[in-house]
């Protein structure tokens, strides 16, 4: 059985996030170039005509207490919150989200074709074998390379070790009986259905 490959799950919002990043990067490069021109003794009025840096500074410096009314504070605060949420969300969408690529498992190759089976079918065989045990309330399988990982919920706390061994043996027998290429079954107890009000210790 071929090994599962790691893939990255993308989002259409990644393009928007990258566009915003490019805009900010270009702005930094542009105004860095303006600082370089000023450092090279280029006429400040010429630099201001190109970039408007001095006009922006004068406008910001001219804001006084009378200009900052309650409405302005409210709009500024809401705008800042909206920008924080928007850019934060776009930032989260830039983070890679790897996942295991699931592909059909090849069982055999003959002269006139091949025999493939889906990973879900293999998982379902193990789940059905586990569900036949009286102590198991639910089972969920996950195929990882040549191993099926079974996550179980159980109805009772007594005899857990023996129950887990039985489920493991039954699931592996079922997979072998169907000639599925699985060598190992890992069983993990992930939940306990409390029917008598007592927790699993």
Protein backbone atom coordinates (compact mmCIF):
# COMPACT_ATOMS: atom_id res chain seq x y z
CA UNK A 1 0.00 0.00 0.00
CA UNK A 2 1.41 3.41 -0.93
CA UNK A 3 2.08 5.92 1.79
CA UNK A 4 -0.30 8.84 2.24
CA UNK A 5 1.02 12.12 0.98
CA UNK A 6 0.81 15.40 2.86
CA UNK A 7 -1.08 18.14 1.06
CA UNK A 8 -2.00 21.71 1.89
CA UNK A 9 -5.59 22.89 1.96
CA UNK A 10 -5.90 26.34 0.45
CA UNK A 11 -8.56 29.04 0.66
CA UNK A 12 -9.76 31.58 -1.93
CA UNK A 13 -9.20 34.26 0.73
CA UNK A 14 -5.46 33.58 0.57
CA UNK A 15 -5.34 35.56 -2.69
CA UNK A 16 -7.00 38.57 -1.03
CA UNK A 17 -4.62 38.34 1.92
CA UNK A 18 -1.61 38.24 -0.38
CA UNK A 19 -2.96 41.21 -2.35
CA UNK A 20 -3.25 43.23 0.88
CA UNK A 21 0.28 42.20 1.82
CA UNK A 22 1.60 43.29 -1.59
CA UNK A 23 -0.11 46.68 -1.23
CA UNK A 24 1.45 47.28 2.19
CA UNK A 25 4.84 46.12 0.90
CA UNK A 26 4.67 48.47 -2.08
CA UNK A 27 3.71 51.36 0.22
CA UNK A 28 6.73 50.65 2.43
CA UNK A 29 9.05 50.45 -0.56
CA UNK A 30 7.60 53.65 -2.04
CA UNK A 31 7.97 55.76 1.09
CA UNK A 32 11.37 54.19 1.76
CA UNK A 33 12.38 55.51 -1.64
CA UNK A 34 11.05 58.95 -0.66
CA UNK A 35 13.22 58.90 2.48
CA UNK A 36 16.19 58.00 0.32
CA UNK A 37 15.48 60.97 -1.96
CA UNK A 38 15.31 63.28 1.04
CA UNK A 39 18.58 61.85 2.35
CA UNK A 40 20.15 62.61 -1.06
CA UNK A 41 19.12 66.29 -0.67
CA UNK A 42 16.41 66.21 -3.32
CA UNK A 43 14.14 69.26 -3.04
CA UNK A 44 11.49 68.44 -0.34
CA UNK A 45 8.76 70.16 -2.37
CA UNK A 46 9.51 67.85 -5.29
CA UNK A 47 9.36 64.82 -3.00
CA UNK A 48 6.08 66.12 -1.54
CA UNK A 49 4.64 66.55 -5.03
CA UNK A 50 5.51 62.91 -5.76
CA UNK A 51 4.41 61.33 -2.49
CA UNK A 52 2.35 63.90 -0.61
CA UNK A 53 4.19 63.01 2.62
CA UNK A 54 4.33 66.59 3.90
CA UNK A 55 0.68 67.27 3.09
CA UNK A 56 -0.35 64.15 5.00
CA UNK A 57 1.84 65.15 7.96
CA UNK A 58 0.45 68.70 8.05
CA UNK A 59 -3.11 67.38 7.92
CA UNK A 60 -2.48 64.97 10.80
CA UNK A 61 -0.64 67.64 12.83
CA UNK A 62 -3.54 70.04 12.36
CA UNK A 63 -6.05 67.78 14.14
CA UNK A 64 -6.95 69.19 17.56
CA UNK A 65 -9.36 68.28 20.36
CA UNK A 66 -12.27 70.10 18.73
CA UNK A 67 -11.99 67.86 15.68
CA UNK A 68 -12.21 64.65 17.72
CA UNK A 69 -15.90 64.50 18.64
CA UNK A 70 -17.76 61.56 20.14
CA UNK A 71 -19.00 60.54 16.70
CA UNK A 72 -15.45 60.58 15.33
CA UNK A 73 -14.25 58.44 18.26
CA UNK A 74 -17.08 55.99 17.70
CA UNK A 75 -16.46 55.69 13.96
CA UNK A 76 -12.69 55.41 14.48
CA UNK A 77 -13.10 52.74 17.15
CA UNK A 78 -15.54 50.68 15.09
CA UNK A 79 -13.36 51.07 12.01
CA UNK A 80 -10.28 49.95 13.94
CA UNK A 81 -12.15 46.93 15.34
CA UNK A 82 -13.44 45.98 11.88
CA UNK A 83 -9.94 46.32 10.42
CA UNK A 84 -8.49 44.18 13.23
CA UNK A 85 -11.05 41.44 12.66
CA UNK A 86 -10.72 41.55 8.87
CA UNK A 87 -6.93 41.53 8.75
CA UNK A 88 -6.73 38.99 11.57
CA UNK A 89 -9.07 36.67 9.67
CA UNK A 90 -7.06 37.11 6.45
CA UNK A 91 -3.89 36.40 8.43
CA UNK A 92 -5.34 33.14 9.77
CA UNK A 93 -6.27 32.11 6.23
CA UNK A 94 -2.62 32.49 5.22
CA UNK A 95 -1.55 29.76 7.65
CA UNK A 96 -0.97 26.40 5.94
CA UNK A 97 -3.45 23.65 6.82
CA UNK A 98 -1.81 20.35 5.96
CA UNK A 99 -3.84 17.16 5.67
CA UNK A 100 -3.24 13.61 4.59
CA UNK A 101 -4.27 13.06 1.00
CA UNK A 102 -6.69 10.15 0.74
CA UNK A 103 -6.53 8.05 -2.37
CA UNK A 104 -7.82 4.64 -3.36
CA UNK A 105 -5.85 1.63 -2.15
CA UNK A 106 -4.71 -0.74 -4.89
CA UNK A 107 -5.50 -4.36 -4.03
CA UNK A 108 -4.30 -6.03 -7.17
CA UNK A 109 -3.22 -5.55 -10.75
CA UNK A 110 -4.25 -7.91 -13.51
CA UNK A 111 -3.88 -8.10 -17.25
CA UNK A 112 -7.16 -6.33 -18.02
CA UNK A 113 -7.22 -3.83 -15.18
CA UNK A 114 -6.64 -3.07 -11.52
CA UNK A 115 -8.65 -3.53 -8.33
CA UNK A 116 -8.87 -0.45 -6.08
CA UNK A 117 -10.80 0.15 -2.86
CA UNK A 118 -11.52 3.41 -1.09
CA UNK A 119 -9.98 4.09 2.33
CA UNK A 120 -13.47 4.58 3.76
CA UNK A 121 -14.44 1.02 2.82
CA UNK A 122 -11.47 -0.34 4.77
CA UNK A 123 -12.31 1.84 7.75
CA UNK A 124 -15.93 0.70 7.61
CA UNK A 125 -14.95 -2.98 7.80
CA UNK A 126 -13.04 -2.31 11.02
CA UNK A 127 -15.87 -0.17 12.43
CA UNK A 128 -18.48 -2.88 11.81
CA UNK A 129 -16.28 -5.47 13.49
CA UNK A 130 -15.91 -3.21 16.52
CA UNK A 131 -19.63 -2.38 16.66
CA UNK A 132 -20.46 -6.07 17.06
CA UNK A 133 -18.96 -6.00 20.55
CA UNK A 134 -21.66 -5.49 23.19
CA UNK A 135 -19.61 -2.96 25.18
CA UNK A 136 -18.95 -0.67 22.20
CA UNK A 137 -21.49 2.11 21.68
CA UNK A 138 -19.74 3.67 18.67
CA UNK A 139 -16.56 3.22 16.67
CA UNK A 140 -14.72 5.47 14.25
CA UNK A 141 -11.90 4.23 12.03
CA UNK A 142 -9.12 6.10 10.29
CA UNK A 143 -6.71 4.53 7.81
CA UNK A 144 -3.09 5.62 8.18
CA UNK A 145 -0.67 3.87 5.81
CA UNK A 146 -1.07 0.17 6.64
CA UNK A 147 -2.71 0.76 10.02
CA UNK A 148 -6.35 1.29 10.95
CA UNK A 149 -6.79 3.48 14.02
CA UNK A 150 -10.06 2.70 15.84
CA UNK A 151 -11.50 5.24 18.28
CA UNK A 152 -14.14 3.71 20.54
CA UNK A 153 -16.90 4.84 22.86
CA UNK A 154 -17.85 2.21 25.42
CA UNK A 155 -20.97 1.56 27.52
CA UNK A 156 -19.31 0.19 30.65
CA UNK A 157 -16.10 0.57 32.57
CA UNK A 158 -15.56 -3.03 33.61
CA UNK A 159 -13.25 -5.26 31.61
CA UNK A 160 -11.92 -2.48 29.42
CA UNK A 161 -8.53 -4.05 28.76
CA UNK A 162 -10.07 -7.34 27.62
CA UNK A 163 -12.68 -5.51 25.54
CA UNK A 164 -10.00 -3.49 23.73
CA UNK A 165 -8.02 -6.63 22.96
CA UNK A 166 -11.13 -8.39 21.64
CA UNK A 167 -12.06 -5.44 19.42
CA UNK A 168 -8.52 -5.25 18.07
CA UNK A 169 -8.48 -8.99 17.30
CA UNK A 170 -11.96 -8.98 15.71
CA UNK A 171 -11.18 -5.94 13.53
CA UNK A 172 -7.90 -7.41 12.33
CA UNK A 173 -9.60 -10.77 11.61
CA UNK A 174 -12.30 -9.00 9.57
CA UNK A 175 -9.72 -7.08 7.55
CA UNK A 176 -7.70 -10.24 6.94
CA UNK A 177 -10.82 -12.18 5.93
CA UNK A 178 -11.60 -9.57 3.30
CA UNK A 179 -7.97 -9.69 2.12
CA UNK A 180 -7.42 -6.00 2.82
CA UNK A 181 -3.80 -4.78 3.05
CA UNK A 182 -3.84 -3.74 6.70
CA UNK A 183 -1.19 -5.14 9.03
CA UNK A 184 -2.04 -3.37 12.30
CA UNK A 185 -5.14 -2.21 14.16
CA UNK A 186 -4.64 0.38 16.90
CA UNK A 187 -7.56 0.72 19.34
CA UNK A 188 -8.02 3.81 21.50
CA UNK A 189 -10.77 4.50 24.04
CA UNK A 190 -11.94 8.07 23.45
CA UNK A 191 -15.31 8.17 25.22
CA UNK A 192 -17.43 6.61 27.93
CA UNK A 193 -21.23 6.68 27.96
CA UNK A 194 -22.31 7.21 31.55
CA UNK A 195 -25.48 5.32 32.25
CA UNK A 196 -25.19 4.94 36.01
CA UNK A 197 -23.85 8.40 36.87
CA UNK A 198 -20.30 7.23 37.60
CA UNK A 199 -17.23 8.45 35.73
CA UNK A 200 -14.60 6.17 34.27
CA UNK A 201 -11.64 6.05 36.64
